[in-house]
Amino acid sequence: MAENEAKRVRRTPEQLAWAIDEQISKLEATISGYEAKKQEVEAEYDKKIDDARVRIQQLKEKKAAILAPKPPRKPRMTKKQKIEAIVKKAQKAGKSAEEIAEALGIDIEE
């Protein structure tokens, strides 16, 4: 029976070291692959972070615009006030009351 059994092949220390070097090189290749993936993912997340910061800045500006006091509204002028303003501008331009009436096509009774 001992003759039928194959003998175990013994490897030399150099062969064992060579096998370990192969395993190390495979693991180093795996690490470099992981590093490349890590760089891609980091770049992707950096872009996402930058986009989020831009959006935050936009929202802060929008919030500031909402909370800022609104300018007071210009009061509306009545018809009488509009006519008075027109007459005042005409007088500042150097026209007399008769000239203003003539321009408007109105006769002033004295």
PDB file of N, CA and C in Angstrom:
ATOM      1  N   MET A   1       0.783  -1.178   0.000  1.00  0.00           N
ATOM      2  CA  MET A   1       0.000   0.000   0.000  1.00  0.00           C
ATOM      3  C   MET A   1       0.837   1.260   0.000  1.00  0.00           C
ATOM      4  N   ALA A   2       1.902   1.189   0.639  1.00  0.00           N
ATOM      5  CA  ALA A   2       2.761   2.355   0.701  1.00  0.00           C
ATOM      6  C   ALA A   2       3.290   2.688  -0.677  1.00  0.00           C
ATOM      7  N   GLU A   3       3.391   1.698  -1.518  1.00  0.00           N
ATOM      8  CA  GLU A   3       3.899   1.945  -2.862  1.00  0.00           C
ATOM      9  C   GLU A   3       2.874   2.688  -3.709  1.00  0.00           C
ATOM     10  N   ASN A   4       1.586   2.473  -3.503  1.00  0.00           N
ATOM     11  CA  ASN A   4       0.540   3.111  -4.298  1.00  0.00           C
ATOM     12  C   ASN A   4       0.342   4.580  -3.941  1.00  0.00           C
ATOM     13  N   GLU A   5       0.680   4.936  -2.766  1.00  0.00           N
ATOM     14  CA  GLU A   5       0.500   6.323  -2.354  1.00  0.00           C
ATOM     15  C   GLU A   5       1.583   7.181  -2.981  1.00  0.00           C
ATOM     16  N   ALA A   6       1.118   8.333  -3.510  1.00  0.00           N
ATOM     17  CA  ALA A   6       2.077   9.255  -4.110  1.00  0.00           C
ATOM     18  C   ALA A   6       2.766  10.030  -3.000  1.00  0.00           C
ATOM     19  N   LYS A   7       3.992  10.267  -3.217  1.00  0.00           N
ATOM     20  CA  LYS A   7       4.732  11.012  -2.222  1.00  0.00           C
ATOM     21  C   LYS A   7       4.417  12.495  -2.349  1.00  0.00           C
ATOM     22  N   ARG A   8       4.400  13.131  -1.256  1.00  0.00           N
ATOM     23  CA  ARG A   8       4.136  14.571  -1.221  1.00  0.00           C
ATOM     24  C   ARG A   8       5.357  15.305  -1.737  1.00  0.00           C
ATOM     25  N   VAL A   9       5.090  16.258  -2.676  1.00  0.00           N
ATOM     26  CA  VAL A   9       6.199  17.007  -3.244  1.00  0.00           C
ATOM     27  C   VAL A   9       6.525  18.164  -2.307  1.00  0.00           C
ATOM     28  N   ARG A  10       7.725  18.225  -1.948  1.00  0.00           N
ATOM     29  CA  ARG A  10       8.189  19.300  -1.062  1.00  0.00           C
ATOM     30  C   ARG A  10       8.731  20.431  -1.911  1.00  0.00           C
ATOM     31  N   ARG A  11       8.273  21.671  -1.556  1.00  0.00           N
ATOM     32  CA  ARG A  11       8.766  22.842  -2.300  1.00  0.00           C
ATOM     33  C   ARG A  11       9.942  23.447  -1.561  1.00  0.00           C
ATOM     34  N   THR A  12      10.816  24.027  -2.336  1.00  0.00           N
ATOM     35  CA  THR A  12      11.992  24.655  -1.751  1.00  0.00           C
ATOM     36  C   THR A  12      11.595  26.003  -1.157  1.00  0.00           C
ATOM     37  N   PRO A  13      12.404  26.543  -0.278  1.00  0.00           N
ATOM     38  CA  PRO A  13      12.113  27.863   0.295  1.00  0.00           C
ATOM     39  C   PRO A  13      12.006  28.951  -0.779  1.00  0.00           C
ATOM     40  N   GLU A  14      12.779  28.839  -1.863  1.00  0.00           N
ATOM     41  CA  GLU A  14      12.700  29.815  -2.948  1.00  0.00           C
ATOM     42  C   GLU A  14      11.342  29.752  -3.632  1.00  0.00           C
ATOM     43  N   GLN A  15      10.828  28.538  -3.829  1.00  0.00           N
ATOM     44  CA  GLN A  15       9.516  28.376  -4.442  1.00  0.00           C
ATOM     45  C   GLN A  15       8.417  28.939  -3.528  1.00  0.00           C
ATOM     46  N   LEU A  16       8.534  28.687  -2.251  1.00  0.00           N
ATOM     47  CA  LEU A  16       7.571  29.233  -1.294  1.00  0.00           C
ATOM     48  C   LEU A  16       7.609  30.771  -1.305  1.00  0.00           C
ATOM     49  N   ALA A  17       8.811  31.330  -1.325  1.00  0.00           N
ATOM     50  CA  ALA A  17       8.967  32.789  -1.346  1.00  0.00           C
ATOM     51  C   ALA A  17       8.379  33.350  -2.639  1.00  0.00           C
ATOM     52  N   TRP A  18       8.611  32.647  -3.758  1.00  0.00           N
ATOM     53  CA  TRP A  18       8.081  33.095  -5.047  1.00  0.00           C
ATOM     54  C   TRP A  18       6.549  33.097  -5.021  1.00  0.00           C
ATOM     55  N   ALA A  19       5.941  32.078  -4.428  1.00  0.00           N
ATOM     56  CA  ALA A  19       4.477  31.999  -4.326  1.00  0.00           C
ATOM     57  C   ALA A  19       3.937  33.138  -3.467  1.00  0.00           C
ATOM     58  N   ILE A  20       4.644  33.435  -2.386  1.00  0.00           N
ATOM     59  CA  ILE A  20       4.228  34.548  -1.527  1.00  0.00           C
ATOM     60  C   ILE A  20       4.361  35.871  -2.276  1.00  0.00           C
ATOM     61  N   ASP A  21       5.433  36.046  -3.055  1.00  0.00           N
ATOM     62  CA  ASP A  21       5.599  37.261  -3.860  1.00  0.00           C
ATOM     63  C   ASP A  21       4.463  37.421  -4.855  1.00  0.00           C
ATOM     64  N   GLU A  22       4.009  36.313  -5.438  1.00  0.00           N
ATOM     65  CA  GLU A  22       2.874  36.362  -6.370  1.00  0.00           C
ATOM     66  C   GLU A  22       1.623  36.865  -5.661  1.00  0.00           C
ATOM     67  N   GLN A  23       1.390  36.324  -4.467  1.00  0.00           N
ATOM     68  CA  GLN A  23       0.217  36.752  -3.700  1.00  0.00           C
ATOM     69  C   GLN A  23       0.310  38.241  -3.345  1.00  0.00           C
ATOM     70  N   ILE A  24       1.512  38.665  -2.980  1.00  0.00           N
ATOM     71  CA  ILE A  24       1.713  40.077  -2.636  1.00  0.00           C
ATOM     72  C   ILE A  24       1.433  40.963  -3.846  1.00  0.00           C
ATOM     73  N   SER A  25       1.939  40.564  -5.033  1.00  0.00           N
ATOM     74  CA  SER A  25       1.733  41.383  -6.235  1.00  0.00           C
ATOM     75  C   SER A  25       0.245  41.454  -6.598  1.00  0.00           C
ATOM     76  N   LYS A  26      -0.491  40.328  -6.418  1.00  0.00           N
ATOM     77  CA  LYS A  26      -1.934  40.328  -6.684  1.00  0.00           C
ATOM     78  C   LYS A  26      -2.651  41.289  -5.728  1.00  0.00           C
ATOM     79  N   LEU A  27      -2.260  41.238  -4.452  1.00  0.00           N
ATOM     80  CA  LEU A  27      -2.887  42.126  -3.469  1.00  0.00           C
ATOM     81  C   LEU A  27      -2.558  43.594  -3.743  1.00  0.00           C
ATOM     82  N   GLU A  28      -1.318  43.859  -4.192  1.00  0.00           N
ATOM     83  CA  GLU A  28      -0.947  45.236  -4.527  1.00  0.00           C
ATOM     84  C   GLU A  28      -1.754  45.746  -5.726  1.00  0.00           C
ATOM     85  N   ALA A  29      -1.991  44.861  -6.700  1.00  0.00           N
ATOM     86  CA  ALA A  29      -2.825  45.243  -7.850  1.00  0.00           C
ATOM     87  C   ALA A  29      -4.251  45.532  -7.392  1.00  0.00           C
ATOM     88  N   THR A  30      -4.753  44.734  -6.463  1.00  0.00           N
ATOM     89  CA  THR A  30      -6.089  44.956  -5.913  1.00  0.00           C
ATOM     90  C   THR A  30      -6.151  46.302  -5.184  1.00  0.00           C
ATOM     91  N   ILE A  31      -5.110  46.592  -4.421  1.00  0.00           N
ATOM     92  CA  ILE A  31      -5.053  47.863  -3.693  1.00  0.00           C
ATOM     93  C   ILE A  31      -5.051  49.031  -4.671  1.00  0.00           C
ATOM     94  N   SER A  32      -4.264  48.924  -5.754  1.00  0.00           N
ATOM     95  CA  SER A  32      -4.224  50.030  -6.722  1.00  0.00           C
ATOM     96  C   SER A  32      -5.590  50.212  -7.380  1.00  0.00           C
ATOM     97  N   GLY A  33      -6.305  49.113  -7.607  1.00  0.00           N
ATOM     98  CA  GLY A  33      -7.672  49.208  -8.136  1.00  0.00           C
ATOM     99  C   GLY A  33      -8.595  49.913  -7.159  1.00  0.00           C
ATOM    100  N   TYR A  34      -8.453  49.556  -5.876  1.00  0.00           N
ATOM    101  CA  TYR A  34      -9.260  50.207  -4.847  1.00  0.00           C
ATOM    102  C   TYR A  34      -8.930  51.695  -4.754  1.00  0.00           C
ATOM    103  N   GLU A  35      -7.648  52.025  -4.876  1.00  0.00           N
ATOM    104  CA  GLU A  35      -7.233  53.434  -4.826  1.00  0.00           C
ATOM    105  C   GLU A  35      -7.864  54.226  -5.972  1.00  0.00           C
ATOM    106  N   ALA A  36      -7.891  53.641  -7.158  1.00  0.00           N
ATOM    107  CA  ALA A  36      -8.496  54.324  -8.313  1.00  0.00           C
ATOM    108  C   ALA A  36      -9.992  54.548  -8.071  1.00  0.00           C
ATOM    109  N   LYS A  37     -10.666  53.516  -7.567  1.00  0.00           N
ATOM    110  CA  LYS A  37     -12.094  53.659  -7.261  1.00  0.00           C
ATOM    111  C   LYS A  37     -12.314  54.720  -6.192  1.00  0.00           C
ATOM    112  N   LYS A  38     -11.425  54.735  -5.212  1.00  0.00           N
ATOM    113  CA  LYS A  38     -11.532  55.702  -4.120  1.00  0.00           C
ATOM    114  C   LYS A  38     -11.400  57.127  -4.666  1.00  0.00           C
ATOM    115  N   GLN A  39     -10.464  57.343  -5.587  1.00  0.00           N
ATOM    116  CA  GLN A  39     -10.275  58.666  -6.186  1.00  0.00           C
ATOM    117  C   GLN A  39     -11.532  59.097  -6.947  1.00  0.00           C
ATOM    118  N   GLU A  40     -12.117  58.171  -7.701  1.00  0.00           N
ATOM    119  CA  GLU A  40     -13.328  58.484  -8.463  1.00  0.00           C
ATOM    120  C   GLU A  40     -14.471  58.851  -7.527  1.00  0.00           C
ATOM    121  N   VAL A  41     -14.641  58.071  -6.484  1.00  0.00           N
ATOM    122  CA  VAL A  41     -15.731  58.309  -5.536  1.00  0.00           C
ATOM    123  C   VAL A  41     -15.508  59.624  -4.789  1.00  0.00           C
ATOM    124  N   GLU A  42     -14.250  59.880  -4.388  1.00  0.00           N
ATOM    125  CA  GLU A  42     -13.955  61.134  -3.698  1.00  0.00           C
ATOM    126  C   GLU A  42     -14.265  62.326  -4.590  1.00  0.00           C
ATOM    127  N   ALA A  43     -13.892  62.241  -5.867  1.00  0.00           N
ATOM    128  CA  ALA A  43     -14.175  63.336  -6.792  1.00  0.00           C
ATOM    129  C   ALA A  43     -15.683  63.522  -6.949  1.00  0.00           C
ATOM    130  N   GLU A  44     -16.397  62.422  -7.026  1.00  0.00           N
ATOM    131  CA  GLU A  44     -17.858  62.497  -7.168  1.00  0.00           C
ATOM    132  C   GLU A  44     -18.487  63.150  -5.938  1.00  0.00           C
ATOM    133  N   TYR A  45     -18.048  62.738  -4.761  1.00  0.00           N
ATOM    134  CA  TYR A  45     -18.617  63.303  -3.540  1.00  0.00           C
ATOM    135  C   TYR A  45     -18.177  64.748  -3.332  1.00  0.00           C
ATOM    136  N   ASP A  46     -16.943  65.093  -3.742  1.00  0.00           N
ATOM    137  CA  ASP A  46     -16.518  66.483  -3.662  1.00  0.00           C
ATOM    138  C   ASP A  46     -17.416  67.364  -4.518  1.00  0.00           C
ATOM    139  N   LYS A  47     -17.770  66.871  -5.699  1.00  0.00           N
ATOM    140  CA  LYS A  47     -18.671  67.625  -6.575  1.00  0.00           C
ATOM    141  C   LYS A  47     -20.039  67.776  -5.926  1.00  0.00           C
ATOM    142  N   LYS A  48     -20.543  66.712  -5.326  1.00  0.00           N
ATOM    143  CA  LYS A  48     -21.841  66.772  -4.650  1.00  0.00           C
ATOM    144  C   LYS A  48     -21.810  67.765  -3.493  1.00  0.00           C
ATOM    145  N   ILE A  49     -20.708  67.767  -2.756  1.00  0.00           N
ATOM    146  CA  ILE A  49     -20.568  68.697  -1.632  1.00  0.00           C
ATOM    147  C   ILE A  49     -20.547  70.133  -2.132  1.00  0.00           C
ATOM    148  N   ASP A  50     -19.794  70.397  -3.213  1.00  0.00           N
ATOM    149  CA  ASP A  50     -19.741  71.746  -3.772  1.00  0.00           C
ATOM    150  C   ASP A  50     -21.111  72.194  -4.260  1.00  0.00           C
ATOM    151  N   ASP A  51     -21.841  71.297  -4.919  1.00  0.00           N
ATOM    152  CA  ASP A  51     -23.189  71.632  -5.382  1.00  0.00           C
ATOM    153  C   ASP A  51     -24.100  71.970  -4.203  1.00  0.00           C
ATOM    154  N   ALA A  52     -23.976  71.203  -3.127  1.00  0.00           N
ATOM    155  CA  ALA A  52     -24.800  71.452  -1.941  1.00  0.00           C
ATOM    156  C   ALA A  52     -24.452  72.807  -1.325  1.00  0.00           C
ATOM    157  N   ARG A  53     -23.168  73.162  -1.309  1.00  0.00           N
ATOM    158  CA  ARG A  53     -22.761  74.462  -0.753  1.00  0.00           C
ATOM    159  C   ARG A  53     -23.306  75.611  -1.591  1.00  0.00           C
ATOM    160  N   VAL A  54     -23.286  75.448  -2.906  1.00  0.00           N
ATOM    161  CA  VAL A  54     -23.850  76.478  -3.790  1.00  0.00           C
ATOM    162  C   VAL A  54     -25.341  76.634  -3.510  1.00  0.00           C
ATOM    163  N   ARG A  55     -26.038  75.525  -3.365  1.00  0.00           N
ATOM    164  CA  ARG A  55     -27.485  75.559  -3.093  1.00  0.00           C
ATOM    165  C   ARG A  55     -27.762  76.226  -1.747  1.00  0.00           C
ATOM    166  N   ILE A  56     -26.921  75.936  -0.748  1.00  0.00           N
ATOM    167  CA  ILE A  56     -27.072  76.562   0.569  1.00  0.00           C
ATOM    168  C   ILE A  56     -26.921  78.071   0.447  1.00  0.00           C
ATOM    169  N   GLN A  57     -25.926  78.514  -0.319  1.00  0.00           N
ATOM    170  CA  GLN A  57     -25.702  79.951  -0.501  1.00  0.00           C
ATOM    171  C   GLN A  57     -26.910  80.597  -1.179  1.00  0.00           C
ATOM    172  N   GLN A  58     -27.466  79.933  -2.191  1.00  0.00           N
ATOM    173  CA  GLN A  58     -28.650  80.466  -2.863  1.00  0.00           C
ATOM    174  C   GLN A  58     -29.816  80.583  -1.897  1.00  0.00           C
ATOM    175  N   LEU A  59     -29.998  79.562  -1.065  1.00  0.00           N
ATOM    176  CA  LEU A  59     -31.102  79.591  -0.109  1.00  0.00           C
ATOM    177  C   LEU A  59     -30.903  80.679   0.942  1.00  0.00           C
ATOM    178  N   LYS A  60     -29.650  80.901   1.358  1.00  0.00           N
ATOM    179  CA  LYS A  60     -29.377  81.974   2.324  1.00  0.00           C
ATOM    180  C   LYS A  60     -29.709  83.334   1.718  1.00  0.00           C
ATOM    181  N   GLU A  61     -29.352  83.529   0.444  1.00  0.00           N
ATOM    182  CA  GLU A  61     -29.668  84.786  -0.226  1.00  0.00           C
ATOM    183  C   GLU A  61     -31.180  84.965  -0.345  1.00  0.00           C
ATOM    184  N   LYS A  62     -31.870  83.878  -0.658  1.00  0.00           N
ATOM    185  CA  LYS A  62     -33.327  83.931  -0.774  1.00  0.00           C
ATOM    186  C   LYS A  62     -33.949  84.278   0.584  1.00  0.00           C
ATOM    187  N   LYS A  63     -33.423  83.678   1.647  1.00  0.00           N
ATOM    188  CA  LYS A  63     -33.927  83.949   2.991  1.00  0.00           C
ATOM    189  C   LYS A  63     -33.699  85.412   3.357  1.00  0.00           C
ATOM    190  N   ALA A  64     -32.507  85.928   3.040  1.00  0.00           N
ATOM    191  CA  ALA A  64     -32.203  87.324   3.337  1.00  0.00           C
ATOM    192  C   ALA A  64     -33.146  88.258   2.582  1.00  0.00           C
ATOM    193  N   ALA A  65     -33.450  87.900   1.334  1.00  0.00           N
ATOM    194  CA  ALA A  65     -34.363  88.730   0.547  1.00  0.00           C
ATOM    195  C   ALA A  65     -35.766  88.700   1.142  1.00  0.00           C
ATOM    196  N   ILE A  66     -36.171  87.548   1.659  1.00  0.00           N
ATOM    197  CA  ILE A  66     -37.504  87.432   2.250  1.00  0.00           C
ATOM    198  C   ILE A  66     -37.587  88.234   3.548  1.00  0.00           C
ATOM    199  N   LEU A  67     -36.542  88.164   4.359  1.00  0.00           N
ATOM    200  CA  LEU A  67     -36.556  88.825   5.660  1.00  0.00           C
ATOM    201  C   LEU A  67     -36.224  90.312   5.595  1.00  0.00           C
ATOM    202  N   ALA A  68     -35.679  90.777   4.490  1.00  0.00           N
ATOM    203  CA  ALA A  68     -35.316  92.188   4.360  1.00  0.00           C
ATOM    204  C   ALA A  68     -36.589  93.033   4.352  1.00  0.00           C
ATOM    205  N   PRO A  69     -36.538  94.184   5.009  1.00  0.00           N
ATOM    206  CA  PRO A  69     -37.737  95.023   5.003  1.00  0.00           C
ATOM    207  C   PRO A  69     -38.020  95.529   3.589  1.00  0.00           C
ATOM    208  N   LYS A  70     -39.287  95.525   3.257  1.00  0.00           N
ATOM    209  CA  LYS A  70     -39.672  95.966   1.926  1.00  0.00           C
ATOM    210  C   LYS A  70     -39.658  97.491   1.882  1.00  0.00           C
ATOM    211  N   PRO A  71     -39.288  98.057   0.749  1.00  0.00           N
ATOM    212  CA  PRO A  71     -39.287  99.519   0.658  1.00  0.00           C
ATOM    213  C   PRO A  71     -40.720 100.040   0.755  1.00  0.00           C
ATOM    214  N   PRO A  72     -40.869 101.202   1.362  1.00  0.00           N
ATOM    215  CA  PRO A  72     -42.222 101.735   1.484  1.00  0.00           C
ATOM    216  C   PRO A  72     -42.810 102.033   0.110  1.00  0.00           C
ATOM    217  N   ARG A  73     -44.094 101.793   0.006  1.00  0.00           N
ATOM    218  CA  ARG A  73     -44.750 102.040  -1.263  1.00  0.00           C
ATOM    219  C   ARG A  73     -44.926 103.535  -1.476  1.00  0.00           C
ATOM    220  N   LYS A  74     -44.820 103.919  -2.704  1.00  0.00           N
ATOM    221  CA  LYS A  74     -45.039 105.311  -3.051  1.00  0.00           C
ATOM    222  C   LYS A  74     -46.549 105.548  -3.003  1.00  0.00           C
ATOM    223  N   PRO A  75     -46.973 106.540  -2.251  1.00  0.00           N
ATOM    224  CA  PRO A  75     -48.418 106.757  -2.156  1.00  0.00           C
ATOM    225  C   PRO A  75     -49.002 107.159  -3.508  1.00  0.00           C
ATOM    226  N   ARG A  76     -50.190 106.673  -3.753  1.00  0.00           N
ATOM    227  CA  ARG A  76     -50.856 107.019  -5.004  1.00  0.00           C
ATOM    228  C   ARG A  76     -51.396 108.433  -4.918  1.00  0.00           C
ATOM    229  N   MET A  77     -51.347 109.072  -6.057  1.00  0.00           N
ATOM    230  CA  MET A  77     -51.830 110.458  -6.099  1.00  0.00           C
ATOM    231  C   MET A  77     -53.277 110.474  -6.575  1.00  0.00           C
ATOM    232  N   THR A  78     -54.026 111.343  -5.949  1.00  0.00           N
ATOM    233  CA  THR A  78     -55.402 111.519  -6.398  1.00  0.00           C
ATOM    234  C   THR A  78     -55.390 112.340  -7.682  1.00  0.00           C
ATOM    235  N   LYS A  79     -56.523 112.423  -8.325  1.00  0.00           N
ATOM    236  CA  LYS A  79     -56.634 113.181  -9.576  1.00  0.00           C
ATOM    237  C   LYS A  79     -56.294 114.645  -9.338  1.00  0.00           C
ATOM    238  N   LYS A  80     -56.763 115.181  -8.225  1.00  0.00           N
ATOM    239  CA  LYS A  80     -56.498 116.583  -7.882  1.00  0.00           C
ATOM    240  C   LYS A  80     -54.998 116.804  -7.681  1.00  0.00           C
ATOM    241  N   GLN A  81     -54.338 115.858  -6.980  1.00  0.00           N
ATOM    242  CA  GLN A  81     -52.903 115.991  -6.732  1.00  0.00           C
ATOM    243  C   GLN A  81     -52.106 115.912  -8.034  1.00  0.00           C
ATOM    244  N   LYS A  82     -52.546 115.069  -8.962  1.00  0.00           N
ATOM    245  CA  LYS A  82     -51.859 114.956 -10.250  1.00  0.00           C
ATOM    246  C   LYS A  82     -51.946 116.277 -11.022  1.00  0.00           C
ATOM    247  N   ILE A  83     -53.137 116.863 -11.020  1.00  0.00           N
ATOM    248  CA  ILE A  83     -53.322 118.130 -11.738  1.00  0.00           C
ATOM    249  C   ILE A  83     -52.462 119.221 -11.107  1.00  0.00           C
ATOM    250  N   GLU A  84     -52.419 119.261  -9.787  1.00  0.00           N
ATOM    251  CA  GLU A  84     -51.591 120.254  -9.097  1.00  0.00           C
ATOM    252  C   GLU A  84     -50.114 120.056  -9.424  1.00  0.00           C
ATOM    253  N   ALA A  85     -49.668 118.797  -9.492  1.00  0.00           N
ATOM    254  CA  ALA A  85     -48.263 118.513  -9.815  1.00  0.00           C
ATOM    255  C   ALA A  85     -47.939 118.978 -11.226  1.00  0.00           C
ATOM    256  N   ILE A  86     -48.870 118.769 -12.171  1.00  0.00           N
ATOM    257  CA  ILE A  86     -48.645 119.211 -13.554  1.00  0.00           C
ATOM    258  C   ILE A  86     -48.540 120.721 -13.609  1.00  0.00           C
ATOM    259  N   VAL A  87     -49.409 121.405 -12.905  1.00  0.00           N
ATOM    260  CA  VAL A  87     -49.402 122.871 -12.905  1.00  0.00           C
ATOM    261  C   VAL A  87     -48.110 123.387 -12.282  1.00  0.00           C
ATOM    262  N   LYS A  88     -47.661 122.765 -11.193  1.00  0.00           N
ATOM    263  CA  LYS A  88     -46.417 123.194 -10.543  1.00  0.00           C
ATOM    264  C   LYS A  88     -45.229 123.022 -11.485  1.00  0.00           C
ATOM    265  N   LYS A  89     -45.184 121.893 -12.210  1.00  0.00           N
ATOM    266  CA  LYS A  89     -44.075 121.672 -13.156  1.00  0.00           C
ATOM    267  C   LYS A  89     -44.100 122.707 -14.264  1.00  0.00           C
ATOM    268  N   ALA A  90     -45.290 123.044 -14.737  1.00  0.00           N
ATOM    269  CA  ALA A  90     -45.405 124.048 -15.791  1.00  0.00           C
ATOM    270  C   ALA A  90     -44.956 125.407 -15.268  1.00  0.00           C
ATOM    271  N   GLN A  91     -45.294 125.736 -14.032  1.00  0.00           N
ATOM    272  CA  GLN A  91     -44.879 127.021 -13.454  1.00  0.00           C
ATOM    273  C   GLN A  91     -43.374 127.051 -13.252  1.00  0.00           C
ATOM    274  N   LYS A  92     -42.788 125.921 -12.869  1.00  0.00           N
ATOM    275  CA  LYS A  92     -41.328 125.868 -12.712  1.00  0.00           C
ATOM    276  C   LYS A  92     -40.634 126.028 -14.053  1.00  0.00           C
ATOM    277  N   ALA A  93     -41.303 125.590 -15.105  1.00  0.00           N
ATOM    278  CA  ALA A  93     -40.731 125.735 -16.442  1.00  0.00           C
ATOM    279  C   ALA A  93     -40.839 127.178 -16.937  1.00  0.00           C
ATOM    280  N   GLY A  94     -41.495 128.041 -16.150  1.00  0.00           N
ATOM    281  CA  GLY A  94     -41.560 129.461 -16.495  1.00  0.00           C
ATOM    282  C   GLY A  94     -42.829 129.864 -17.219  1.00  0.00           C
ATOM    283  N   LYS A  95     -43.851 129.053 -17.217  1.00  0.00           N
ATOM    284  CA  LYS A  95     -45.095 129.402 -17.889  1.00  0.00           C
ATOM    285  C   LYS A  95     -46.033 130.059 -16.881  1.00  0.00           C
ATOM    286  N   SER A  96     -46.784 131.004 -17.378  1.00  0.00           N
ATOM    287  CA  SER A  96     -47.762 131.669 -16.517  1.00  0.00           C
ATOM    288  C   SER A  96     -49.065 130.884 -16.549  1.00  0.00           C
ATOM    289  N   ALA A  97     -49.995 131.274 -15.683  1.00  0.00           N
ATOM    290  CA  ALA A  97     -51.281 130.589 -15.601  1.00  0.00           C
ATOM    291  C   ALA A  97     -52.035 130.712 -16.914  1.00  0.00           C
ATOM    292  N   GLU A  98     -51.945 131.890 -17.591  1.00  0.00           N
ATOM    293  CA  GLU A  98     -52.616 132.089 -18.865  1.00  0.00           C
ATOM    294  C   GLU A  98     -52.029 131.165 -19.941  1.00  0.00           C
ATOM    295  N   GLU A  99     -50.718 131.025 -19.948  1.00  0.00           N
ATOM    296  CA  GLU A  99     -50.078 130.154 -20.942  1.00  0.00           C
ATOM    297  C   GLU A  99     -50.459 128.679 -20.713  1.00  0.00           C
ATOM    298  N   ILE A 100     -50.539 128.292 -19.463  1.00  0.00           N
ATOM    299  CA  ILE A 100     -50.936 126.912 -19.134  1.00  0.00           C
ATOM    300  C   ILE A 100     -52.361 126.665 -19.598  1.00  0.00           C
ATOM    301  N   ALA A 101     -53.255 127.636 -19.318  1.00  0.00           N
ATOM    302  CA  ALA A 101     -54.662 127.496 -19.723  1.00  0.00           C
ATOM    303  C   ALA A 101     -54.772 127.459 -21.233  1.00  0.00           C
ATOM    304  N   GLU A 102     -53.997 128.282 -21.899  1.00  0.00           N
ATOM    305  CA  GLU A 102     -54.026 128.322 -23.383  1.00  0.00           C
ATOM    306  C   GLU A 102     -53.549 126.980 -23.947  1.00  0.00           C
ATOM    307  N   ALA A 103     -52.501 126.423 -23.318  1.00  0.00           N
ATOM    308  CA  ALA A 103     -51.986 125.124 -23.775  1.00  0.00           C
ATOM    309  C   ALA A 103     -53.011 124.033 -23.570  1.00  0.00           C
ATOM    310  N   LEU A 104     -53.809 124.152 -22.537  1.00  0.00           N
ATOM    311  CA  LEU A 104     -54.841 123.160 -22.265  1.00  0.00           C
ATOM    312  C   LEU A 104     -56.127 123.439 -23.035  1.00  0.00           C
ATOM    313  N   GLY A 105     -56.181 124.592 -23.661  1.00  0.00           N
ATOM    314  CA  GLY A 105     -57.381 124.951 -24.433  1.00  0.00           C
ATOM    315  C   GLY A 105     -58.527 125.418 -23.555  1.00  0.00           C
ATOM    316  N   ILE A 106     -58.191 126.083 -22.465  1.00  0.00           N
ATOM    317  CA  ILE A 106     -59.200 126.549 -21.501  1.00  0.00           C
ATOM    318  C   ILE A 106     -59.197 128.078 -21.499  1.00  0.00           C
ATOM    319  N   ASP A 107     -60.412 128.660 -21.423  1.00  0.00           N
ATOM    320  CA  ASP A 107     -60.514 130.118 -21.269  1.00  0.00           C
ATOM    321  C   ASP A 107     -60.660 130.444 -19.797  1.00  0.00           C
ATOM    322  N   ILE A 108     -59.812 131.349 -19.320  1.00  0.00           N
ATOM    323  CA  ILE A 108     -59.881 131.781 -17.932  1.00  0.00           C
ATOM    324  C   ILE A 108     -60.692 133.083 -17.901  1.00  0.00           C
ATOM    325  N   GLU A 109     -61.714 133.086 -17.107  1.00  0.00           N
ATOM    326  CA  GLU A 109     -62.527 134.284 -16.962  1.00  0.00           C
ATOM    327  C   GLU A 109     -61.946 135.119 -15.851  1.00  0.00           C
ATOM    328  N   GLU A 110     -61.774 136.389 -16.133  1.00  0.00           N
ATOM    329  CA  GLU A 110     -61.192 137.259 -15.119  1.00  0.00           C
ATOM    330  C   GLU A 110     -62.221 138.044 -14.383  1.00  0.00           C
TER     331      GLU A 110
END
